[in-house]
């Protein structure tokens, strides 16, 4: 499995963004996918 994110950037409060994740897989069945985030000094959630 290879995952490549895109779409991040700088936005003002109240704004919108759409993130994309390009998925390629080989001999692998995906059961679930998700988005996680990690701020500096914090756990990935």
ModelCIF file with pLDDT and N, C-alpha, C, O atoms, coordinates in Angstrom:
data_MODEL
#
_entry.id   MODEL 
#
_entity.id                         1 
_entity.type                       polymer 
_entity.pdbx_number_of_molecules   1 
#
_entity_poly.entity_id                      1 
_entity_poly.type                           'polypeptide(L)' 
_entity_poly.nstd_linkage                   no 
_entity_poly.nstd_monomer                   no 
_entity_poly.pdbx_seq_one_letter_code       
;(UNK)(UNK)(UNK)(UNK)(UNK)(UNK)(UNK)(UNK)(UNK)(UNK)(UNK)(UNK)(UNK)(UNK)(UNK)(UNK)
(UNK)(UNK)(UNK)(UNK)(UNK)(UNK)(UNK)(UNK)(UNK)(UNK)(UNK)(UNK)(UNK)(UNK)(UNK)(UNK)
(UNK)(UNK)(UNK)(UNK)(UNK)(UNK)(UNK)(UNK)(UNK)(UNK)(UNK)(UNK)(UNK)
;
_entity_poly.pdbx_seq_one_letter_code_can   XXXXXXXXXXXXXXXXXXXXXXXXXXXXXXXXXXXXXXXXXXXXX 
_entity_poly.pdbx_strand_id                 A 
#
loop_
_entity_poly_seq.entity_id 
_entity_poly_seq.num 
_entity_poly_seq.mon_id 
_entity_poly_seq.hetero 
1 1  UNK n 
1 2  UNK n 
1 3  UNK n 
1 4  UNK n 
1 5  UNK n 
1 6  UNK n 
1 7  UNK n 
1 8  UNK n 
1 9  UNK n 
1 10 UNK n 
1 11 UNK n 
1 12 UNK n 
1 13 UNK n 
1 14 UNK n 
1 15 UNK n 
1 16 UNK n 
1 17 UNK n 
1 18 UNK n 
1 19 UNK n 
1 20 UNK n 
1 21 UNK n 
1 22 UNK n 
1 23 UNK n 
1 24 UNK n 
1 25 UNK n 
1 26 UNK n 
1 27 UNK n 
1 28 UNK n 
1 29 UNK n 
1 30 UNK n 
1 31 UNK n 
1 32 UNK n 
1 33 UNK n 
1 34 UNK n 
1 35 UNK n 
1 36 UNK n 
1 37 UNK n 
1 38 UNK n 
1 39 UNK n 
1 40 UNK n 
1 41 UNK n 
1 42 UNK n 
1 43 UNK n 
1 44 UNK n 
1 45 UNK n 
#
_struct_asym.id          A 
_struct_asym.entity_id   1 
#
loop_
_ma_qa_metric.id 
_ma_qa_metric.mode 
_ma_qa_metric.name 
_ma_qa_metric.software_group_id 
_ma_qa_metric.type 
1 global pLDDT . pLDDT 
2 local  pLDDT . pLDDT 
#
_ma_qa_metric_global.metric_id      1 
_ma_qa_metric_global.metric_value   96.60 
_ma_qa_metric_global.model_id       1 
_ma_qa_metric_global.ordinal_id     1 
#
loop_
_ma_qa_metric_local.label_asym_id 
_ma_qa_metric_local.label_comp_id 
_ma_qa_metric_local.label_seq_id 
_ma_qa_metric_local.metric_id 
_ma_qa_metric_local.metric_value 
_ma_qa_metric_local.model_id 
_ma_qa_metric_local.ordinal_id 
A UNK 1  2 94.00 1 1  
A UNK 2  2 96.00 1 2  
A UNK 3  2 97.00 1 3  
A UNK 4  2 98.00 1 4  
A UNK 5  2 98.00 1 5  
A UNK 6  2 98.00 1 6  
A UNK 7  2 98.00 1 7  
A UNK 8  2 98.00 1 8  
A UNK 9  2 98.00 1 9  
A UNK 10 2 98.00 1 10 
A UNK 11 2 98.00 1 11 
A UNK 12 2 98.00 1 12 
A UNK 13 2 98.00 1 13 
A UNK 14 2 98.00 1 14 
A UNK 15 2 98.00 1 15 
A UNK 16 2 98.00 1 16 
A UNK 17 2 98.00 1 17 
A UNK 18 2 98.00 1 18 
A UNK 19 2 98.00 1 19 
A UNK 20 2 98.00 1 20 
A UNK 21 2 98.00 1 21 
A UNK 22 2 97.00 1 22 
A UNK 23 2 96.00 1 23 
A UNK 24 2 96.00 1 24 
A UNK 25 2 93.00 1 25 
A UNK 26 2 92.00 1 26 
A UNK 27 2 94.00 1 27 
A UNK 28 2 94.00 1 28 
A UNK 29 2 93.00 1 29 
A UNK 30 2 93.00 1 30 
A UNK 31 2 94.00 1 31 
A UNK 32 2 95.00 1 32 
A UNK 33 2 97.00 1 33 
A UNK 34 2 98.00 1 34 
A UNK 35 2 98.00 1 35 
A UNK 36 2 98.00 1 36 
A UNK 37 2 98.00 1 37 
A UNK 38 2 98.00 1 38 
A UNK 39 2 97.00 1 39 
A UNK 40 2 93.00 1 40 
A UNK 41 2 94.00 1 41 
A UNK 42 2 96.00 1 42 
A UNK 43 2 97.00 1 43 
A UNK 44 2 97.00 1 44 
A UNK 45 2 98.00 1 45 
#
loop_
_atom_site.group_PDB 
_atom_site.id 
_atom_site.type_symbol 
_atom_site.label_atom_id 
_atom_site.label_alt_id 
_atom_site.label_comp_id 
_atom_site.label_asym_id 
_atom_site.label_entity_id 
_atom_site.label_seq_id 
_atom_site.pdbx_PDB_ins_code 
_atom_site.Cartn_x 
_atom_site.Cartn_y 
_atom_site.Cartn_z 
_atom_site.occupancy 
_atom_site.B_iso_or_equiv 
_atom_site.pdbx_formal_charge 
_atom_site.auth_seq_id 
_atom_site.auth_comp_id 
_atom_site.auth_asym_id 
_atom_site.auth_atom_id 
_atom_site.pdbx_PDB_model_num 
ATOM 1   N N  . UNK A 1 1  ? 0.842   -1.182 0.000  1.00 94.00 ? 1  UNK A N  1 
ATOM 2   C CA . UNK A 1 1  ? 0.000   0.000  0.000  1.00 94.00 ? 1  UNK A CA 1 
ATOM 3   C C  . UNK A 1 1  ? 0.882   1.238  0.000  1.00 94.00 ? 1  UNK A C  1 
ATOM 4   O O  . UNK A 1 1  ? 1.855   1.324  0.750  1.00 94.00 ? 1  UNK A O  1 
ATOM 5   N N  . UNK A 1 2  ? 0.528   2.201  -0.855 1.00 96.00 ? 2  UNK A N  1 
ATOM 6   C CA . UNK A 1 2  ? 1.188   3.492  -0.868 1.00 96.00 ? 2  UNK A CA 1 
ATOM 7   C C  . UNK A 1 2  ? 0.132   4.583  -0.775 1.00 96.00 ? 2  UNK A C  1 
ATOM 8   O O  . UNK A 1 2  ? -0.858  4.561  -1.507 1.00 96.00 ? 2  UNK A O  1 
ATOM 9   N N  . UNK A 1 3  ? 0.343   5.533  0.124  1.00 97.00 ? 3  UNK A N  1 
ATOM 10  C CA . UNK A 1 3  ? -0.601  6.610  0.364  1.00 97.00 ? 3  UNK A CA 1 
ATOM 11  C C  . UNK A 1 3  ? 0.118   7.940  0.215  1.00 97.00 ? 3  UNK A C  1 
ATOM 12  O O  . UNK A 1 3  ? 1.185   8.139  0.797  1.00 97.00 ? 3  UNK A O  1 
ATOM 13  N N  . UNK A 1 4  ? -0.457  8.850  -0.561 1.00 98.00 ? 4  UNK A N  1 
ATOM 14  C CA . UNK A 1 4  ? 0.146   10.152 -0.804 1.00 98.00 ? 4  UNK A CA 1 
ATOM 15  C C  . UNK A 1 4  ? -0.911  11.225 -0.585 1.00 98.00 ? 4  UNK A C  1 
ATOM 16  O O  . UNK A 1 4  ? -1.890  11.300 -1.329 1.00 98.00 ? 4  UNK A O  1 
ATOM 17  N N  . UNK A 1 5  ? -0.713  12.059 0.442  1.00 98.00 ? 5  UNK A N  1 
ATOM 18  C CA . UNK A 1 5  ? -1.657  13.121 0.767  1.00 98.00 ? 5  UNK A CA 1 
ATOM 19  C C  . UNK A 1 5  ? -1.340  14.388 -0.019 1.00 98.00 ? 5  UNK A C  1 
ATOM 20  O O  . UNK A 1 5  ? -0.202  14.618 -0.427 1.00 98.00 ? 5  UNK A O  1 
ATOM 21  N N  . UNK A 1 6  ? -2.363  15.198 -0.220 1.00 98.00 ? 6  UNK A N  1 
ATOM 22  C CA . UNK A 1 6  ? -2.212  16.504 -0.837 1.00 98.00 ? 6  UNK A CA 1 
ATOM 23  C C  . UNK A 1 6  ? -3.389  17.379 -0.422 1.00 98.00 ? 6  UNK A C  1 
ATOM 24  O O  . UNK A 1 6  ? -4.388  16.886 0.101  1.00 98.00 ? 6  UNK A O  1 
ATOM 25  N N  . UNK A 1 7  ? -3.261  18.678 -0.660 1.00 98.00 ? 7  UNK A N  1 
ATOM 26  C CA . UNK A 1 7  ? -4.350  19.596 -0.406 1.00 98.00 ? 7  UNK A CA 1 
ATOM 27  C C  . UNK A 1 7  ? -4.203  20.463 0.820  1.00 98.00 ? 7  UNK A C  1 
ATOM 28  O O  . UNK A 1 7  ? -5.033  21.342 1.053  1.00 98.00 ? 7  UNK A O  1 
ATOM 29  N N  . UNK A 1 8  ? -3.171  20.241 1.611  1.00 98.00 ? 8  UNK A N  1 
ATOM 30  C CA . UNK A 1 8  ? -2.967  21.062 2.790  1.00 98.00 ? 8  UNK A CA 1 
ATOM 31  C C  . UNK A 1 8  ? -2.508  22.459 2.419  1.00 98.00 ? 8  UNK A C  1 
ATOM 32  O O  . UNK A 1 8  ? -2.158  22.730 1.270  1.00 98.00 ? 8  UNK A O  1 
ATOM 33  N N  . UNK A 1 9  ? -2.513  23.339 3.405  1.00 98.00 ? 9  UNK A N  1 
ATOM 34  C CA . UNK A 1 9  ? -2.086  24.697 3.177  1.00 98.00 ? 9  UNK A CA 1 
ATOM 35  C C  . UNK A 1 9  ? -2.510  25.612 4.297  1.00 98.00 ? 9  UNK A C  1 
ATOM 36  O O  . UNK A 1 9  ? -2.919  25.166 5.368  1.00 98.00 ? 9  UNK A O  1 
ATOM 37  N N  . UNK A 1 10 ? -2.407  26.907 4.031  1.00 98.00 ? 10 UNK A N  1 
ATOM 38  C CA . UNK A 1 10 ? -2.780  27.943 4.989  1.00 98.00 ? 10 UNK A CA 1 
ATOM 39  C C  . UNK A 1 10 ? -4.176  28.452 4.675  1.00 98.00 ? 10 UNK A C  1 
ATOM 40  O O  . UNK A 1 10 ? -4.483  28.779 3.529  1.00 98.00 ? 10 UNK A O  1 
ATOM 41  N N  . UNK A 1 11 ? -5.015  28.518 5.691  1.00 98.00 ? 11 UNK A N  1 
ATOM 42  C CA . UNK A 1 11 ? -6.382  28.987 5.519  1.00 98.00 ? 11 UNK A CA 1 
ATOM 43  C C  . UNK A 1 11 ? -6.775  29.812 6.737  1.00 98.00 ? 11 UNK A C  1 
ATOM 44  O O  . UNK A 1 11 ? -6.313  29.544 7.846  1.00 98.00 ? 11 UNK A O  1 
ATOM 45  N N  . UNK A 1 12 ? -7.622  30.808 6.536  1.00 98.00 ? 12 UNK A N  1 
ATOM 46  C CA . UNK A 1 12 ? -8.092  31.635 7.638  1.00 98.00 ? 12 UNK A CA 1 
ATOM 47  C C  . UNK A 1 12 ? -9.198  30.933 8.416  1.00 98.00 ? 12 UNK A C  1 
ATOM 48  O O  . UNK A 1 12 ? -9.893  30.076 7.871  1.00 98.00 ? 12 UNK A O  1 
ATOM 49  N N  . UNK A 1 13 ? -9.364  31.290 9.687  1.00 98.00 ? 13 UNK A N  1 
ATOM 50  C CA . UNK A 1 13 ? -10.463 30.709 10.458 1.00 98.00 ? 13 UNK A CA 1 
ATOM 51  C C  . UNK A 1 13 ? -11.796 30.880 9.745  1.00 98.00 ? 13 UNK A C  1 
ATOM 52  O O  . UNK A 1 13 ? -12.088 31.940 9.190  1.00 98.00 ? 13 UNK A O  1 
ATOM 53  N N  . UNK A 1 14 ? -12.595 29.830 9.769  1.00 98.00 ? 14 UNK A N  1 
ATOM 54  C CA . UNK A 1 14 ? -13.864 29.822 9.072  1.00 98.00 ? 14 UNK A CA 1 
ATOM 55  C C  . UNK A 1 14 ? -13.784 29.339 7.647  1.00 98.00 ? 14 UNK A C  1 
ATOM 56  O O  . UNK A 1 14 ? -14.811 29.148 6.995  1.00 98.00 ? 14 UNK A O  1 
ATOM 57  N N  . UNK A 1 15 ? -12.579 29.138 7.152  1.00 98.00 ? 15 UNK A N  1 
ATOM 58  C CA . UNK A 1 15 ? -12.392 28.702 5.788  1.00 98.00 ? 15 UNK A CA 1 
ATOM 59  C C  . UNK A 1 15 ? -12.543 27.208 5.613  1.00 98.00 ? 15 UNK A C  1 
ATOM 60  O O  . UNK A 1 15 ? -12.883 26.484 6.549  1.00 98.00 ? 15 UNK A O  1 
ATOM 61  N N  . UNK A 1 16 ? -12.281 26.757 4.387  1.00 98.00 ? 16 UNK A N  1 
ATOM 62  C CA . UNK A 1 16 ? -12.451 25.359 4.026  1.00 98.00 ? 16 UNK A CA 1 
ATOM 63  C C  . UNK A 1 16 ? -11.243 24.845 3.265  1.00 98.00 ? 16 UNK A C  1 
ATOM 64  O O  . UNK A 1 16 ? -10.550 25.604 2.587  1.00 98.00 ? 16 UNK A O  1 
ATOM 65  N N  . UNK A 1 17 ? -11.001 23.564 3.384  1.00 98.00 ? 17 UNK A N  1 
ATOM 66  C CA . UNK A 1 17 ? -9.976  22.861 2.635  1.00 98.00 ? 17 UNK A CA 1 
ATOM 67  C C  . UNK A 1 17 ? -10.467 21.453 2.345  1.00 98.00 ? 17 UNK A C  1 
ATOM 68  O O  . UNK A 1 17 ? -11.271 20.896 3.093  1.00 98.00 ? 17 UNK A O  1 
ATOM 69  N N  . UNK A 1 18 ? -9.978  20.886 1.256  1.00 98.00 ? 18 UNK A N  1 
ATOM 70  C CA . UNK A 1 18 ? -10.235 19.489 0.971  1.00 98.00 ? 18 UNK A CA 1 
ATOM 71  C C  . UNK A 1 18 ? -8.914  18.765 0.784  1.00 98.00 ? 18 UNK A C  1 
ATOM 72  O O  . UNK A 1 18 ? -8.125  19.093 -0.102 1.00 98.00 ? 18 UNK A O  1 
ATOM 73  N N  . UNK A 1 19 ? -8.692  17.782 1.630  1.00 98.00 ? 19 UNK A N  1 
ATOM 74  C CA . UNK A 1 19 ? -7.507  16.956 1.546  1.00 98.00 ? 19 UNK A CA 1 
ATOM 75  C C  . UNK A 1 19 ? -7.790  15.724 0.696  1.00 98.00 ? 19 UNK A C  1 
ATOM 76  O O  . UNK A 1 19 ? -8.900  15.191 0.699  1.00 98.00 ? 19 UNK A O  1 
ATOM 77  N N  . UNK A 1 20 ? -6.772  15.282 -0.030 1.00 98.00 ? 20 UNK A N  1 
ATOM 78  C CA . UNK A 1 20 ? -6.888  14.092 -0.850 1.00 98.00 ? 20 UNK A CA 1 
ATOM 79  C C  . UNK A 1 20 ? -5.779  13.116 -0.495 1.00 98.00 ? 20 UNK A C  1 
ATOM 80  O O  . UNK A 1 20 ? -4.679  13.518 -0.117 1.00 98.00 ? 20 UNK A O  1 
ATOM 81  N N  . UNK A 1 21 ? -6.076  11.849 -0.618 1.00 98.00 ? 21 UNK A N  1 
ATOM 82  C CA . UNK A 1 21 ? -5.109  10.789 -0.387 1.00 98.00 ? 21 UNK A CA 1 
ATOM 83  C C  . UNK A 1 21 ? -5.185  9.821  -1.558 1.00 98.00 ? 21 UNK A C  1 
ATOM 84  O O  . UNK A 1 21 ? -6.182  9.118  -1.727 1.00 98.00 ? 21 UNK A O  1 
ATOM 85  N N  . UNK A 1 22 ? -4.131  9.787  -2.366 1.00 97.00 ? 22 UNK A N  1 
ATOM 86  C CA . UNK A 1 22 ? -4.062  8.857  -3.483 1.00 97.00 ? 22 UNK A CA 1 
ATOM 87  C C  . UNK A 1 22 ? -3.632  7.491  -2.972 1.00 97.00 ? 22 UNK A C  1 
ATOM 88  O O  . UNK A 1 22 ? -2.630  7.368  -2.268 1.00 97.00 ? 22 UNK A O  1 
ATOM 89  N N  . UNK A 1 23 ? -4.391  6.474  -3.330 1.00 96.00 ? 23 UNK A N  1 
ATOM 90  C CA . UNK A 1 23 ? -4.192  5.127  -2.805 1.00 96.00 ? 23 UNK A CA 1 
ATOM 91  C C  . UNK A 1 23 ? -3.749  4.196  -3.921 1.00 96.00 ? 23 UNK A C  1 
ATOM 92  O O  . UNK A 1 23 ? -4.389  4.122  -4.971 1.00 96.00 ? 23 UNK A O  1 
ATOM 93  N N  . UNK A 1 24 ? -2.667  3.496  -3.693 1.00 96.00 ? 24 UNK A N  1 
ATOM 94  C CA . UNK A 1 24 ? -2.254  2.411  -4.574 1.00 96.00 ? 24 UNK A CA 1 
ATOM 95  C C  . UNK A 1 24 ? -1.971  1.192  -3.716 1.00 96.00 ? 24 UNK A C  1 
ATOM 96  O O  . UNK A 1 24 ? -1.355  1.294  -2.655 1.00 96.00 ? 24 UNK A O  1 
ATOM 97  N N  . UNK A 1 25 ? -2.419  0.060  -4.175 1.00 93.00 ? 25 UNK A N  1 
ATOM 98  C CA . UNK A 1 25 ? -2.247  -1.156 -3.395 1.00 93.00 ? 25 UNK A CA 1 
ATOM 99  C C  . UNK A 1 25 ? -1.936  -2.345 -4.298 1.00 93.00 ? 25 UNK A C  1 
ATOM 100 O O  . UNK A 1 25 ? -2.261  -2.359 -5.486 1.00 93.00 ? 25 UNK A O  1 
ATOM 101 N N  . UNK A 1 26 ? -1.313  -3.317 -3.706 1.00 92.00 ? 26 UNK A N  1 
ATOM 102 C CA . UNK A 1 26 ? -0.936  -4.523 -4.426 1.00 92.00 ? 26 UNK A CA 1 
ATOM 103 C C  . UNK A 1 26 ? -1.081  -5.711 -3.495 1.00 92.00 ? 26 UNK A C  1 
ATOM 104 O O  . UNK A 1 26 ? -0.431  -5.777 -2.452 1.00 92.00 ? 26 UNK A O  1 
ATOM 105 N N  . UNK A 1 27 ? -1.924  -6.636 -3.871 1.00 94.00 ? 27 UNK A N  1 
ATOM 106 C CA . UNK A 1 27 ? -2.148  -7.856 -3.105 1.00 94.00 ? 27 UNK A CA 1 
ATOM 107 C C  . UNK A 1 27 ? -2.556  -7.540 -1.676 1.00 94.00 ? 27 UNK A C  1 
ATOM 108 O O  . UNK A 1 27 ? -2.124  -8.204 -0.734 1.00 94.00 ? 27 UNK A O  1 
ATOM 109 N N  . UNK A 1 28 ? -3.386  -6.526 -1.525 1.00 94.00 ? 28 UNK A N  1 
ATOM 110 C CA . UNK A 1 28 ? -3.778  -6.074 -0.208 1.00 94.00 ? 28 UNK A CA 1 
ATOM 111 C C  . UNK A 1 28 ? -5.235  -5.641 -0.239 1.00 94.00 ? 28 UNK A C  1 
ATOM 112 O O  . UNK A 1 28 ? -5.625  -4.833 -1.081 1.00 94.00 ? 28 UNK A O  1 
ATOM 113 N N  . UNK A 1 29 ? -6.026  -6.163 0.656  1.00 93.00 ? 29 UNK A N  1 
ATOM 114 C CA . UNK A 1 29 ? -7.428  -5.785 0.786  1.00 93.00 ? 29 UNK A CA 1 
ATOM 115 C C  . UNK A 1 29 ? -7.573  -4.806 1.942  1.00 93.00 ? 29 UNK A C  1 
ATOM 116 O O  . UNK A 1 29 ? -7.233  -5.125 3.081  1.00 93.00 ? 29 UNK A O  1 
ATOM 117 N N  . UNK A 1 30 ? -8.075  -3.622 1.647  1.00 93.00 ? 30 UNK A N  1 
ATOM 118 C CA . UNK A 1 30 ? -8.248  -2.579 2.649  1.00 93.00 ? 30 UNK A CA 1 
ATOM 119 C C  . UNK A 1 30 ? -9.604  -2.733 3.320  1.00 93.00 ? 30 UNK A C  1 
ATOM 120 O O  . UNK A 1 30 ? -10.639 -2.767 2.655  1.00 93.00 ? 30 UNK A O  1 
ATOM 121 N N  . UNK A 1 31 ? -9.587  -2.823 4.630  1.00 94.00 ? 31 UNK A N  1 
ATOM 122 C CA . UNK A 1 31 ? -10.819 -2.912 5.400  1.00 94.00 ? 31 UNK A CA 1 
ATOM 123 C C  . UNK A 1 31 ? -11.356 -1.546 5.812  1.00 94.00 ? 31 UNK A C  1 
ATOM 124 O O  . UNK A 1 31 ? -12.567 -1.335 5.875  1.00 94.00 ? 31 UNK A O  1 
ATOM 125 N N  . UNK A 1 32 ? -10.448 -0.629 6.088  1.00 95.00 ? 32 UNK A N  1 
ATOM 126 C CA . UNK A 1 32 ? -10.863 0.686  6.535  1.00 95.00 ? 32 UNK A CA 1 
ATOM 127 C C  . UNK A 1 32 ? -9.767  1.698  6.236  1.00 95.00 ? 32 UNK A C  1 
ATOM 128 O O  . UNK A 1 32 ? -8.589  1.349  6.157  1.00 95.00 ? 32 UNK A O  1 
ATOM 129 N N  . UNK A 1 33 ? -10.163 2.944  6.072  1.00 97.00 ? 33 UNK A N  1 
ATOM 130 C CA . UNK A 1 33 ? -9.229  4.032  5.890  1.00 97.00 ? 33 UNK A CA 1 
ATOM 131 C C  . UNK A 1 33 ? -9.626  5.183  6.803  1.00 97.00 ? 33 UNK A C  1 
ATOM 132 O O  . UNK A 1 33 ? -10.779 5.299  7.216  1.00 97.00 ? 33 UNK A O  1 
ATOM 133 N N  . UNK A 1 34 ? -8.661  6.020  7.105  1.00 98.00 ? 34 UNK A N  1 
ATOM 134 C CA . UNK A 1 34 ? -8.955  7.131  7.984  1.00 98.00 ? 34 UNK A CA 1 
ATOM 135 C C  . UNK A 1 34 ? -7.985  8.278  7.832  1.00 98.00 ? 34 UNK A C  1 
ATOM 136 O O  . UNK A 1 34 ? -6.923  8.160  7.221  1.00 98.00 ? 34 UNK A O  1 
ATOM 137 N N  . UNK A 1 35 ? -8.388  9.383  8.407  1.00 98.00 ? 35 UNK A N  1 
ATOM 138 C CA . UNK A 1 35 ? -7.535  10.557 8.518  1.00 98.00 ? 35 UNK A CA 1 
ATOM 139 C C  . UNK A 1 35 ? -7.170  10.768 9.983  1.00 98.00 ? 35 UNK A C  1 
ATOM 140 O O  . UNK A 1 35 ? -8.038  10.782 10.856 1.00 98.00 ? 35 UNK A O  1 
ATOM 141 N N  . UNK A 1 36 ? -5.898  10.929 10.236 1.00 98.00 ? 36 UNK A N  1 
ATOM 142 C CA . UNK A 1 36 ? -5.382  11.256 11.553 1.00 98.00 ? 36 UNK A CA 1 
ATOM 143 C C  . UNK A 1 36 ? -4.702  12.616 11.486 1.00 98.00 ? 36 UNK A C  1 
ATOM 144 O O  . UNK A 1 36 ? -4.346  13.091 10.408 1.00 98.00 ? 36 UNK A O  1 
ATOM 145 N N  . UNK A 1 37 ? -4.527  13.231 12.636 1.00 98.00 ? 37 UNK A N  1 
ATOM 146 C CA . UNK A 1 37 ? -3.780  14.474 12.681 1.00 98.00 ? 37 UNK A CA 1 
ATOM 147 C C  . UNK A 1 37 ? -2.915  14.523 13.930 1.00 98.00 ? 37 UNK A C  1 
ATOM 148 O O  . UNK A 1 37 ? -3.220  13.898 14.946 1.00 98.00 ? 37 UNK A O  1 
ATOM 149 N N  . UNK A 1 38 ? -1.836  15.275 13.832 1.00 98.00 ? 38 UNK A N  1 
ATOM 150 C CA . UNK A 1 38 ? -0.908  15.412 14.935 1.00 98.00 ? 38 UNK A CA 1 
ATOM 151 C C  . UNK A 1 38 ? -0.391  16.839 14.987 1.00 98.00 ? 38 UNK A C  1 
ATOM 152 O O  . UNK A 1 38 ? 0.252   17.314 14.050 1.00 98.00 ? 38 UNK A O  1 
ATOM 153 N N  . UNK A 1 39 ? -0.676  17.514 16.086 1.00 97.00 ? 39 UNK A N  1 
ATOM 154 C CA . UNK A 1 39 ? -0.160  18.846 16.335 1.00 97.00 ? 39 UNK A CA 1 
ATOM 155 C C  . UNK A 1 39 ? 1.162   18.736 17.088 1.00 97.00 ? 39 UNK A C  1 
ATOM 156 O O  . UNK A 1 39 ? 1.407   17.723 17.743 1.00 97.00 ? 39 UNK A O  1 
ATOM 157 N N  . UNK A 1 40 ? 2.019   19.754 17.011 1.00 93.00 ? 40 UNK A N  1 
ATOM 158 C CA . UNK A 1 40 ? 3.302   19.699 17.713 1.00 93.00 ? 40 UNK A CA 1 
ATOM 159 C C  . UNK A 1 40 ? 3.130   19.416 19.203 1.00 93.00 ? 40 UNK A C  1 
ATOM 160 O O  . UNK A 1 40 ? 2.327   20.060 19.878 1.00 93.00 ? 40 UNK A O  1 
ATOM 161 N N  . UNK A 1 41 ? 3.883   18.455 19.702 1.00 94.00 ? 41 UNK A N  1 
ATOM 162 C CA . UNK A 1 41 ? 3.835   18.111 21.107 1.00 94.00 ? 41 UNK A CA 1 
ATOM 163 C C  . UNK A 1 41 ? 2.623   17.315 21.536 1.00 94.00 ? 41 UNK A C  1 
ATOM 164 O O  . UNK A 1 41 ? 2.435   17.081 22.730 1.00 94.00 ? 41 UNK A O  1 
ATOM 165 N N  . UNK A 1 42 ? 1.798   16.895 20.597 1.00 96.00 ? 42 UNK A N  1 
ATOM 166 C CA . UNK A 1 42 ? 0.591   16.156 20.926 1.00 96.00 ? 42 UNK A CA 1 
ATOM 167 C C  . UNK A 1 42 ? 0.596   14.784 20.280 1.00 96.00 ? 42 UNK A C  1 
ATOM 168 O O  . UNK A 1 42 ? 1.350   14.524 19.342 1.00 96.00 ? 42 UNK A O  1 
ATOM 169 N N  . UNK A 1 43 ? -0.253  13.917 20.795 1.00 97.00 ? 43 UNK A N  1 
ATOM 170 C CA . UNK A 1 43 ? -0.403  12.581 20.237 1.00 97.00 ? 43 UNK A CA 1 
ATOM 171 C C  . UNK A 1 43 ? -1.164  12.633 18.923 1.00 97.00 ? 43 UNK A C  1 
ATOM 172 O O  . UNK A 1 43 ? -1.990  13.519 18.701 1.00 97.00 ? 43 UNK A O  1 
ATOM 173 N N  . UNK A 1 44 ? -0.877  11.684 18.069 1.00 97.00 ? 44 UNK A N  1 
ATOM 174 C CA . UNK A 1 44 ? -1.631  11.551 16.841 1.00 97.00 ? 44 UNK A CA 1 
ATOM 175 C C  . UNK A 1 44 ? -3.031  11.041 17.173 1.00 97.00 ? 44 UNK A C  1 
ATOM 176 O O  . UNK A 1 44 ? -3.185  10.077 17.923 1.00 97.00 ? 44 UNK A O  1 
ATOM 177 N N  . UNK A 1 45 ? -4.039  11.688 16.616 1.00 98.00 ? 45 UNK A N  1 
ATOM 178 C CA . UNK A 1 45 ? -5.407  11.340 16.936 1.00 98.00 ? 45 UNK A CA 1 
ATOM 179 C C  . UNK A 1 45 ? -6.208  11.051 15.673 1.00 98.00 ? 45 UNK A C  1 
ATOM 180 O O  . UNK A 1 45 ? -7.395  10.738 15.753 1.00 98.00 ? 45 UNK A O  1 
#
